[in-house]
Amino acid sequence: MSDQVAKANLVESDAVETSAVLLYDGVCGLCNKSVQTIINHDRRGTLRFAALQSDYGQAATARHPELKKVDSVVFLETLNASGEERAYTRSTAALKVASYLGGIWKLFLIAYVIPRPLRDVLYDLIARYRYKMFGKYDTCMLPPASVRARFLDAA
């Protein structure tokens, strides 16, 4: 699937208050480790998270039909108070996270000079072998209590 930017209206009032949500593969070892790293470096502490397998992740996929085949990462960005939302996938989603984190992470934004199709080839290669290289869980991991409020649909 090509990297697509989509617009949709949010229906959940909680999501309208959220400026950005990272959807991730909740059973992927690499994805879970990446989420932990992002939490540790998110100075604002405002980025929210949801597993693609969660109710919130499934609702986001329903709002953005072009995301139905996405199985790794999606960066959802709320553009304004009306709830207009854009969805970024693959390498662009990863670069959006780097931009959101700011600081030294912005150095990764140099990758924008590489054409998106080439960036996505590398992204797809890592995504294809992520379970073999980093493991796969049977179920989505439960976030630690200290950050559970940042996870949508967390028990």
N, C-alpha and C. Protein backbone atom coordinates (compact mmCIF):
# COMPACT_ATOMS: atom_id res chain seq x y z
N MET A 1 0.84 -1.18 0.00
CA MET A 1 0.00 0.00 0.00
C MET A 1 0.88 1.24 0.00
N SER A 2 0.56 2.21 -0.81
CA SER A 2 1.34 3.43 -0.83
C SER A 2 1.04 4.26 0.41
N ASP A 3 2.00 5.14 0.74
CA ASP A 3 1.81 6.01 1.89
C ASP A 3 0.73 7.01 1.53
N GLN A 4 -0.34 7.01 2.26
CA GLN A 4 -1.45 7.88 1.93
C GLN A 4 -1.77 8.79 3.09
N VAL A 5 -2.20 9.98 2.73
CA VAL A 5 -2.69 10.92 3.72
C VAL A 5 -4.19 10.98 3.55
N ALA A 6 -4.91 10.75 4.62
CA ALA A 6 -6.36 10.72 4.53
C ALA A 6 -6.96 11.70 5.52
N LYS A 7 -8.15 12.17 5.19
CA LYS A 7 -8.87 13.05 6.09
C LYS A 7 -10.18 12.39 6.48
N ALA A 8 -10.55 12.55 7.73
CA ALA A 8 -11.84 12.01 8.19
C ALA A 8 -12.26 12.81 9.41
N ASN A 9 -13.51 12.75 9.72
CA ASN A 9 -13.99 13.40 10.93
C ASN A 9 -13.99 12.39 12.07
N LEU A 10 -13.47 12.82 13.20
CA LEU A 10 -13.43 11.96 14.37
C LEU A 10 -14.81 11.94 15.01
N VAL A 11 -15.15 10.82 15.56
CA VAL A 11 -16.43 10.72 16.25
C VAL A 11 -16.26 10.64 17.76
N GLU A 12 -15.12 10.19 18.22
CA GLU A 12 -14.90 10.07 19.66
C GLU A 12 -14.47 11.42 20.21
N SER A 13 -15.16 11.93 21.23
CA SER A 13 -14.81 13.23 21.79
C SER A 13 -13.42 13.22 22.41
N ASP A 14 -12.99 12.10 23.00
CA ASP A 14 -11.65 12.03 23.57
C ASP A 14 -10.59 12.21 22.51
N ALA A 15 -10.81 11.64 21.33
CA ALA A 15 -9.82 11.71 20.27
C ALA A 15 -9.67 13.13 19.74
N VAL A 16 -10.73 13.93 19.77
CA VAL A 16 -10.65 15.30 19.30
C VAL A 16 -9.67 16.09 20.15
N GLU A 17 -9.60 15.80 21.44
CA GLU A 17 -8.68 16.50 22.32
C GLU A 17 -7.23 16.08 22.08
N THR A 18 -7.03 14.96 21.45
CA THR A 18 -5.69 14.42 21.23
C THR A 18 -5.11 14.99 19.96
N SER A 19 -3.91 15.57 20.06
CA SER A 19 -3.29 16.14 18.87
C SER A 19 -2.62 15.07 18.02
N ALA A 20 -2.16 14.00 18.61
CA ALA A 20 -1.52 12.94 17.84
C ALA A 20 -1.68 11.60 18.54
N VAL A 21 -1.88 10.57 17.73
CA VAL A 21 -2.01 9.20 18.23
C VAL A 21 -1.14 8.31 17.35
N LEU A 22 -0.37 7.46 17.97
CA LEU A 22 0.43 6.49 17.24
C LEU A 22 -0.24 5.12 17.37
N LEU A 23 -0.68 4.59 16.24
CA LEU A 23 -1.20 3.23 16.20
C LEU A 23 -0.04 2.31 15.87
N TYR A 24 0.05 1.18 16.56
CA TYR A 24 1.18 0.28 16.37
C TYR A 24 0.69 -1.16 16.47
N ASP A 25 1.51 -2.07 15.98
CA ASP A 25 1.20 -3.50 16.05
C ASP A 25 1.45 -3.95 17.49
N GLY A 26 0.38 -4.20 18.22
CA GLY A 26 0.47 -4.51 19.64
C GLY A 26 1.14 -5.82 19.98
N VAL A 27 1.30 -6.71 19.02
CA VAL A 27 1.94 -8.00 19.30
C VAL A 27 3.38 -8.05 18.80
N CYS A 28 3.87 -6.96 18.25
CA CYS A 28 5.22 -6.90 17.67
C CYS A 28 6.23 -6.44 18.72
N GLY A 29 7.28 -7.23 18.91
CA GLY A 29 8.32 -6.88 19.86
C GLY A 29 9.01 -5.57 19.52
N LEU A 30 9.33 -5.35 18.25
CA LEU A 30 9.96 -4.10 17.82
C LEU A 30 9.04 -2.91 18.06
N CYS A 31 7.77 -3.07 17.73
CA CYS A 31 6.82 -1.97 17.91
C CYS A 31 6.66 -1.61 19.38
N ASN A 32 6.55 -2.61 20.24
CA ASN A 32 6.42 -2.36 21.68
C ASN A 32 7.66 -1.67 22.24
N LYS A 33 8.84 -2.12 21.82
CA LYS A 33 10.08 -1.49 22.27
C LYS A 33 10.16 -0.04 21.76
N SER A 34 9.72 0.18 20.53
CA SER A 34 9.71 1.53 19.97
C SER A 34 8.78 2.44 20.75
N VAL A 35 7.61 1.94 21.12
CA VAL A 35 6.67 2.73 21.91
C VAL A 35 7.30 3.10 23.26
N GLN A 36 7.98 2.17 23.90
CA GLN A 36 8.65 2.47 25.17
C GLN A 36 9.71 3.56 24.98
N THR A 37 10.46 3.48 23.90
CA THR A 37 11.49 4.49 23.61
C THR A 37 10.83 5.85 23.38
N ILE A 38 9.76 5.88 22.63
CA ILE A 38 9.05 7.14 22.35
C ILE A 38 8.54 7.75 23.66
N ILE A 39 7.95 6.94 24.52
CA ILE A 39 7.45 7.44 25.81
C ILE A 39 8.59 8.07 26.60
N ASN A 40 9.73 7.43 26.62
CA ASN A 40 10.88 7.94 27.38
C ASN A 40 11.44 9.23 26.82
N HIS A 41 11.18 9.53 25.55
CA HIS A 41 11.74 10.73 24.92
C HIS A 41 10.70 11.78 24.55
N ASP A 42 9.45 11.53 24.86
CA ASP A 42 8.38 12.50 24.57
C ASP A 42 8.35 13.53 25.69
N ARG A 43 9.05 14.63 25.49
CA ARG A 43 9.17 15.66 26.53
C ARG A 43 7.83 16.27 26.92
N ARG A 44 6.95 16.41 25.94
CA ARG A 44 5.63 16.99 26.21
C ARG A 44 4.71 16.00 26.91
N GLY A 45 4.96 14.73 26.69
CA GLY A 45 4.11 13.70 27.29
C GLY A 45 2.69 13.71 26.76
N THR A 46 2.51 14.13 25.52
CA THR A 46 1.16 14.27 24.97
C THR A 46 0.83 13.27 23.86
N LEU A 47 1.82 12.57 23.34
CA LEU A 47 1.54 11.59 22.30
C LEU A 47 0.78 10.43 22.93
N ARG A 48 -0.31 10.03 22.29
CA ARG A 48 -1.12 8.92 22.79
C ARG A 48 -0.87 7.70 21.91
N PHE A 49 -1.23 6.54 22.40
CA PHE A 49 -0.93 5.28 21.72
C PHE A 49 -2.14 4.37 21.72
N ALA A 50 -2.21 3.54 20.69
CA ALA A 50 -3.24 2.49 20.64
C ALA A 50 -2.73 1.38 19.73
N ALA A 51 -2.93 0.17 20.15
CA ALA A 51 -2.58 -0.97 19.30
C ALA A 51 -3.57 -1.02 18.14
N LEU A 52 -3.08 -1.38 16.98
CA LEU A 52 -3.97 -1.55 15.82
C LEU A 52 -5.06 -2.57 16.12
N GLN A 53 -4.76 -3.53 16.99
CA GLN A 53 -5.71 -4.59 17.32
C GLN A 53 -6.78 -4.14 18.33
N SER A 54 -6.59 -2.98 18.94
CA SER A 54 -7.52 -2.49 19.96
C SER A 54 -8.80 -1.95 19.31
N ASP A 55 -9.80 -1.70 20.14
CA ASP A 55 -11.04 -1.10 19.64
C ASP A 55 -10.76 0.25 18.98
N TYR A 56 -9.91 1.06 19.62
CA TYR A 56 -9.57 2.36 19.05
C TYR A 56 -8.87 2.19 17.70
N GLY A 57 -7.92 1.27 17.63
CA GLY A 57 -7.21 1.02 16.37
C GLY A 57 -8.15 0.57 15.28
N GLN A 58 -9.09 -0.30 15.63
CA GLN A 58 -10.07 -0.78 14.65
C GLN A 58 -10.99 0.35 14.19
N ALA A 59 -11.37 1.24 15.12
CA ALA A 59 -12.21 2.39 14.75
C ALA A 59 -11.46 3.34 13.83
N ALA A 60 -10.18 3.54 14.09
CA ALA A 60 -9.37 4.41 13.23
C ALA A 60 -9.27 3.82 11.83
N THR A 61 -9.10 2.52 11.76
CA THR A 61 -9.04 1.84 10.47
C THR A 61 -10.37 1.99 9.73
N ALA A 62 -11.46 1.95 10.45
CA ALA A 62 -12.78 2.13 9.83
C ALA A 62 -12.95 3.55 9.31
N ARG A 63 -12.39 4.54 10.03
CA ARG A 63 -12.46 5.93 9.57
C ARG A 63 -11.62 6.16 8.33
N HIS A 64 -10.57 5.38 8.19
CA HIS A 64 -9.62 5.52 7.08
C HIS A 64 -9.54 4.19 6.34
N PRO A 65 -10.45 3.93 5.43
CA PRO A 65 -10.48 2.63 4.75
C PRO A 65 -9.17 2.26 4.06
N GLU A 66 -8.38 3.24 3.66
CA GLU A 66 -7.10 2.95 3.01
C GLU A 66 -6.09 2.33 3.97
N LEU A 67 -6.41 2.29 5.25
CA LEU A 67 -5.51 1.70 6.25
C LEU A 67 -5.80 0.22 6.53
N LYS A 68 -6.79 -0.35 5.89
CA LYS A 68 -7.20 -1.73 6.21
C LYS A 68 -6.07 -2.74 6.11
N LYS A 69 -5.12 -2.53 5.21
CA LYS A 69 -4.03 -3.49 5.04
C LYS A 69 -2.78 -3.11 5.83
N VAL A 70 -2.81 -1.99 6.52
CA VAL A 70 -1.66 -1.56 7.31
C VAL A 70 -1.58 -2.43 8.56
N ASP A 71 -0.38 -2.97 8.83
CA ASP A 71 -0.24 -3.85 9.99
C ASP A 71 0.94 -3.47 10.88
N SER A 72 1.52 -2.28 10.67
CA SER A 72 2.68 -1.95 11.50
C SER A 72 2.52 -0.64 12.26
N VAL A 73 2.50 0.50 11.60
CA VAL A 73 2.43 1.77 12.32
C VAL A 73 1.67 2.81 11.52
N VAL A 74 0.88 3.62 12.25
CA VAL A 74 0.13 4.73 11.66
C VAL A 74 0.26 5.91 12.62
N PHE A 75 0.58 7.07 12.09
CA PHE A 75 0.62 8.30 12.88
C PHE A 75 -0.62 9.10 12.52
N LEU A 76 -1.53 9.26 13.47
CA LEU A 76 -2.74 10.04 13.27
C LEU A 76 -2.53 11.42 13.85
N GLU A 77 -2.80 12.43 13.05
CA GLU A 77 -2.58 13.81 13.47
C GLU A 77 -3.89 14.58 13.34
N THR A 78 -4.35 15.15 14.44
CA THR A 78 -5.54 15.99 14.41
C THR A 78 -5.11 17.38 14.00
N LEU A 79 -5.73 17.89 12.94
CA LEU A 79 -5.29 19.15 12.36
C LEU A 79 -5.91 20.38 12.99
N ASN A 80 -7.13 20.27 13.50
CA ASN A 80 -7.77 21.44 14.08
C ASN A 80 -8.91 21.02 15.00
N ALA A 81 -9.55 22.02 15.60
CA ALA A 81 -10.59 21.74 16.59
C ALA A 81 -11.80 21.03 16.00
N SER A 82 -11.96 21.07 14.68
CA SER A 82 -13.10 20.38 14.07
C SER A 82 -12.91 18.87 14.06
N GLY A 83 -11.71 18.41 14.38
CA GLY A 83 -11.46 16.98 14.40
C GLY A 83 -10.95 16.42 13.09
N GLU A 84 -10.61 17.28 12.15
CA GLU A 84 -10.05 16.79 10.89
C GLU A 84 -8.76 16.04 11.18
N GLU A 85 -8.60 14.90 10.58
CA GLU A 85 -7.52 13.99 10.92
C GLU A 85 -6.78 13.53 9.66
N ARG A 86 -5.47 13.40 9.78
CA ARG A 86 -4.64 12.84 8.71
C ARG A 86 -3.95 11.60 9.24
N ALA A 87 -3.82 10.63 8.36
CA ALA A 87 -3.15 9.37 8.70
C ALA A 87 -1.91 9.22 7.85
N TYR A 88 -0.78 8.96 8.51
CA TYR A 88 0.49 8.76 7.82
C TYR A 88 0.96 7.34 8.11
N THR A 89 1.49 6.68 7.09
CA THR A 89 1.92 5.29 7.25
C THR A 89 3.38 5.12 6.88
N ARG A 90 3.89 3.96 7.21
CA ARG A 90 5.21 3.48 6.83
C ARG A 90 6.31 4.48 7.22
N SER A 91 7.24 4.76 6.33
CA SER A 91 8.38 5.60 6.70
C SER A 91 7.95 7.01 7.08
N THR A 92 6.90 7.51 6.46
CA THR A 92 6.43 8.86 6.80
C THR A 92 5.90 8.90 8.23
N ALA A 93 5.24 7.85 8.67
CA ALA A 93 4.76 7.79 10.05
C ALA A 93 5.94 7.84 11.02
N ALA A 94 6.99 7.09 10.71
CA ALA A 94 8.18 7.09 11.57
C ALA A 94 8.82 8.47 11.63
N LEU A 95 8.87 9.15 10.50
CA LEU A 95 9.45 10.50 10.47
C LEU A 95 8.56 11.51 11.19
N LYS A 96 7.25 11.32 11.13
CA LYS A 96 6.33 12.18 11.88
C LYS A 96 6.57 12.03 13.38
N VAL A 97 6.85 10.81 13.83
CA VAL A 97 7.16 10.59 15.25
C VAL A 97 8.44 11.33 15.61
N ALA A 98 9.47 11.24 14.77
CA ALA A 98 10.74 11.94 15.03
C ALA A 98 10.50 13.44 15.12
N SER A 99 9.70 13.98 14.24
CA SER A 99 9.39 15.40 14.27
C SER A 99 8.63 15.77 15.54
N TYR A 100 7.69 14.94 15.93
CA TYR A 100 6.90 15.17 17.13
C TYR A 100 7.77 15.18 18.38
N LEU A 101 8.74 14.27 18.43
CA LEU A 101 9.62 14.19 19.59
C LEU A 101 10.54 15.40 19.68
N GLY A 102 10.95 15.92 18.53
CA GLY A 102 11.83 17.09 18.51
C GLY A 102 13.23 16.75 18.99
N GLY A 103 13.97 17.79 19.37
CA GLY A 103 15.34 17.59 19.85
C GLY A 103 16.20 16.87 18.85
N ILE A 104 17.05 16.00 19.35
CA ILE A 104 17.99 15.26 18.51
C ILE A 104 17.28 14.37 17.50
N TRP A 105 16.05 13.96 17.81
CA TRP A 105 15.28 13.10 16.92
C TRP A 105 15.01 13.77 15.58
N LYS A 106 15.02 15.10 15.55
CA LYS A 106 14.78 15.81 14.29
C LYS A 106 15.88 15.56 13.27
N LEU A 107 17.02 15.06 13.71
CA LEU A 107 18.08 14.72 12.76
C LEU A 107 17.61 13.66 11.76
N PHE A 108 16.71 12.80 12.17
CA PHE A 108 16.18 11.78 11.27
C PHE A 108 15.39 12.37 10.11
N LEU A 109 14.96 13.62 10.25
CA LEU A 109 14.15 14.25 9.21
C LEU A 109 14.93 14.47 7.92
N ILE A 110 16.26 14.34 7.97
CA ILE A 110 17.06 14.40 6.76
C ILE A 110 16.61 13.32 5.77
N ALA A 111 16.00 12.27 6.28
CA ALA A 111 15.52 11.18 5.42
C ALA A 111 14.43 11.66 4.45
N TYR A 112 13.81 12.81 4.72
CA TYR A 112 12.81 13.34 3.79
C TYR A 112 13.42 13.66 2.42
N VAL A 113 14.74 13.83 2.34
CA VAL A 113 15.36 14.09 1.03
C VAL A 113 15.36 12.83 0.17
N ILE A 114 15.21 11.68 0.79
CA ILE A 114 15.11 10.42 0.05
C ILE A 114 13.67 10.28 -0.43
N PRO A 115 13.47 10.00 -1.70
CA PRO A 115 12.09 9.83 -2.19
C PRO A 115 11.34 8.78 -1.38
N ARG A 116 10.08 9.08 -1.10
CA ARG A 116 9.27 8.20 -0.26
C ARG A 116 9.27 6.75 -0.71
N PRO A 117 9.16 6.46 -2.01
CA PRO A 117 9.18 5.03 -2.40
C PRO A 117 10.46 4.31 -1.97
N LEU A 118 11.59 5.00 -2.01
CA LEU A 118 12.84 4.38 -1.57
C LEU A 118 12.88 4.21 -0.05
N ARG A 119 12.40 5.22 0.68
CA ARG A 119 12.32 5.10 2.14
C ARG A 119 11.44 3.92 2.52
N ASP A 120 10.32 3.80 1.81
CA ASP A 120 9.37 2.75 2.14
C ASP A 120 9.89 1.35 1.84
N VAL A 121 10.81 1.23 0.87
CA VAL A 121 11.42 -0.08 0.59
C VAL A 121 12.17 -0.56 1.83
N LEU A 122 12.96 0.32 2.44
CA LEU A 122 13.68 -0.05 3.66
C LEU A 122 12.70 -0.33 4.80
N TYR A 123 11.70 0.52 4.94
CA TYR A 123 10.70 0.32 5.98
C TYR A 123 10.02 -1.04 5.81
N ASP A 124 9.62 -1.35 4.59
CA ASP A 124 8.93 -2.61 4.32
C ASP A 124 9.81 -3.82 4.60
N LEU A 125 11.09 -3.69 4.33
CA LEU A 125 12.02 -4.79 4.60
C LEU A 125 12.08 -5.09 6.10
N ILE A 126 12.21 -4.04 6.89
CA ILE A 126 12.23 -4.20 8.35
C ILE A 126 10.88 -4.74 8.84
N ALA A 127 9.79 -4.18 8.32
CA ALA A 127 8.45 -4.62 8.73
C ALA A 127 8.22 -6.09 8.40
N ARG A 128 8.72 -6.53 7.27
CA ARG A 128 8.51 -7.91 6.85
C ARG A 128 9.16 -8.91 7.81
N TYR A 129 10.33 -8.55 8.34
CA TYR A 129 11.09 -9.48 9.19
C TYR A 129 11.06 -9.11 10.67
N ARG A 130 10.20 -8.18 11.06
CA ARG A 130 10.21 -7.70 12.45
C ARG A 130 9.90 -8.80 13.45
N TYR A 131 9.01 -9.71 13.14
CA TYR A 131 8.69 -10.79 14.08
C TYR A 131 9.86 -11.74 14.24
N LYS A 132 10.54 -12.06 13.15
CA LYS A 132 11.69 -12.97 13.22
C LYS A 132 12.83 -12.33 13.99
N MET A 133 13.03 -11.02 13.81
CA MET A 133 14.17 -10.34 14.44
C MET A 133 13.89 -9.92 15.87
N PHE A 134 12.64 -9.54 16.18
CA PHE A 134 12.34 -8.95 17.48
C PHE A 134 11.26 -9.68 18.27
N GLY A 135 10.70 -10.73 17.69
CA GLY A 135 9.71 -11.53 18.40
C GLY A 135 8.28 -11.04 18.21
N LYS A 136 7.37 -11.93 18.58
CA LYS A 136 5.94 -11.64 18.48
C LYS A 136 5.26 -12.17 19.74
N TYR A 137 4.40 -11.34 20.33
CA TYR A 137 3.66 -11.73 21.52
C TYR A 137 2.35 -12.41 21.12
N ASP A 138 1.80 -13.20 22.01
CA ASP A 138 0.50 -13.83 21.75
C ASP A 138 -0.63 -12.83 21.88
N THR A 139 -0.46 -11.86 22.77
CA THR A 139 -1.47 -10.83 22.98
C THR A 139 -0.78 -9.48 23.09
N CYS A 140 -1.56 -8.41 22.99
CA CYS A 140 -1.01 -7.06 23.14
C CYS A 140 -0.50 -6.89 24.57
N MET A 141 0.62 -6.23 24.70
CA MET A 141 1.21 -6.01 26.01
C MET A 141 0.42 -4.94 26.77
N LEU A 142 0.29 -5.11 28.07
CA LEU A 142 -0.37 -4.13 28.93
C LEU A 142 0.64 -3.06 29.30
N PRO A 143 0.32 -1.78 29.05
CA PRO A 143 1.28 -0.73 29.39
C PRO A 143 1.45 -0.59 30.90
N PRO A 144 2.62 -0.11 31.34
CA PRO A 144 2.83 0.11 32.77
C PRO A 144 1.82 1.13 33.32
N ALA A 145 1.45 0.98 34.57
CA ALA A 145 0.46 1.86 35.19
C ALA A 145 0.85 3.34 35.09
N SER A 146 2.14 3.64 35.13
CA SER A 146 2.60 5.03 35.12
C SER A 146 2.28 5.76 33.82
N VAL A 147 2.06 5.03 32.73
CA VAL A 147 1.76 5.66 31.44
C VAL A 147 0.45 5.16 30.83
N ARG A 148 -0.28 4.37 31.57
CA ARG A 148 -1.50 3.75 31.03
C ARG A 148 -2.51 4.77 30.51
N ALA A 149 -2.57 5.95 31.11
CA ALA A 149 -3.52 6.97 30.68
C ALA A 149 -3.24 7.46 29.26
N ARG A 150 -2.03 7.27 28.78
CA ARG A 150 -1.68 7.70 27.42
C ARG A 150 -2.07 6.66 26.37
N PHE A 151 -2.54 5.51 26.81
CA PHE A 151 -2.94 4.44 25.90
C PHE A 151 -4.46 4.42 25.79
N LEU A 152 -4.95 4.56 24.59
CA LEU A 152 -6.38 4.52 24.34
C LEU A 152 -6.81 3.06 24.37
N ASP A 153 -7.89 2.77 25.02
CA ASP A 153 -8.41 1.40 25.17
C ASP A 153 -7.59 0.56 26.13
N ALA A 154 -6.73 1.15 26.94
CA ALA A 154 -5.96 0.37 27.92
C ALA A 154 -6.86 0.05 29.10
N ALA A 155 -6.77 -1.17 29.56
CA ALA A 155 -7.61 -1.60 30.70
C ALA A 155 -7.11 -1.02 32.00
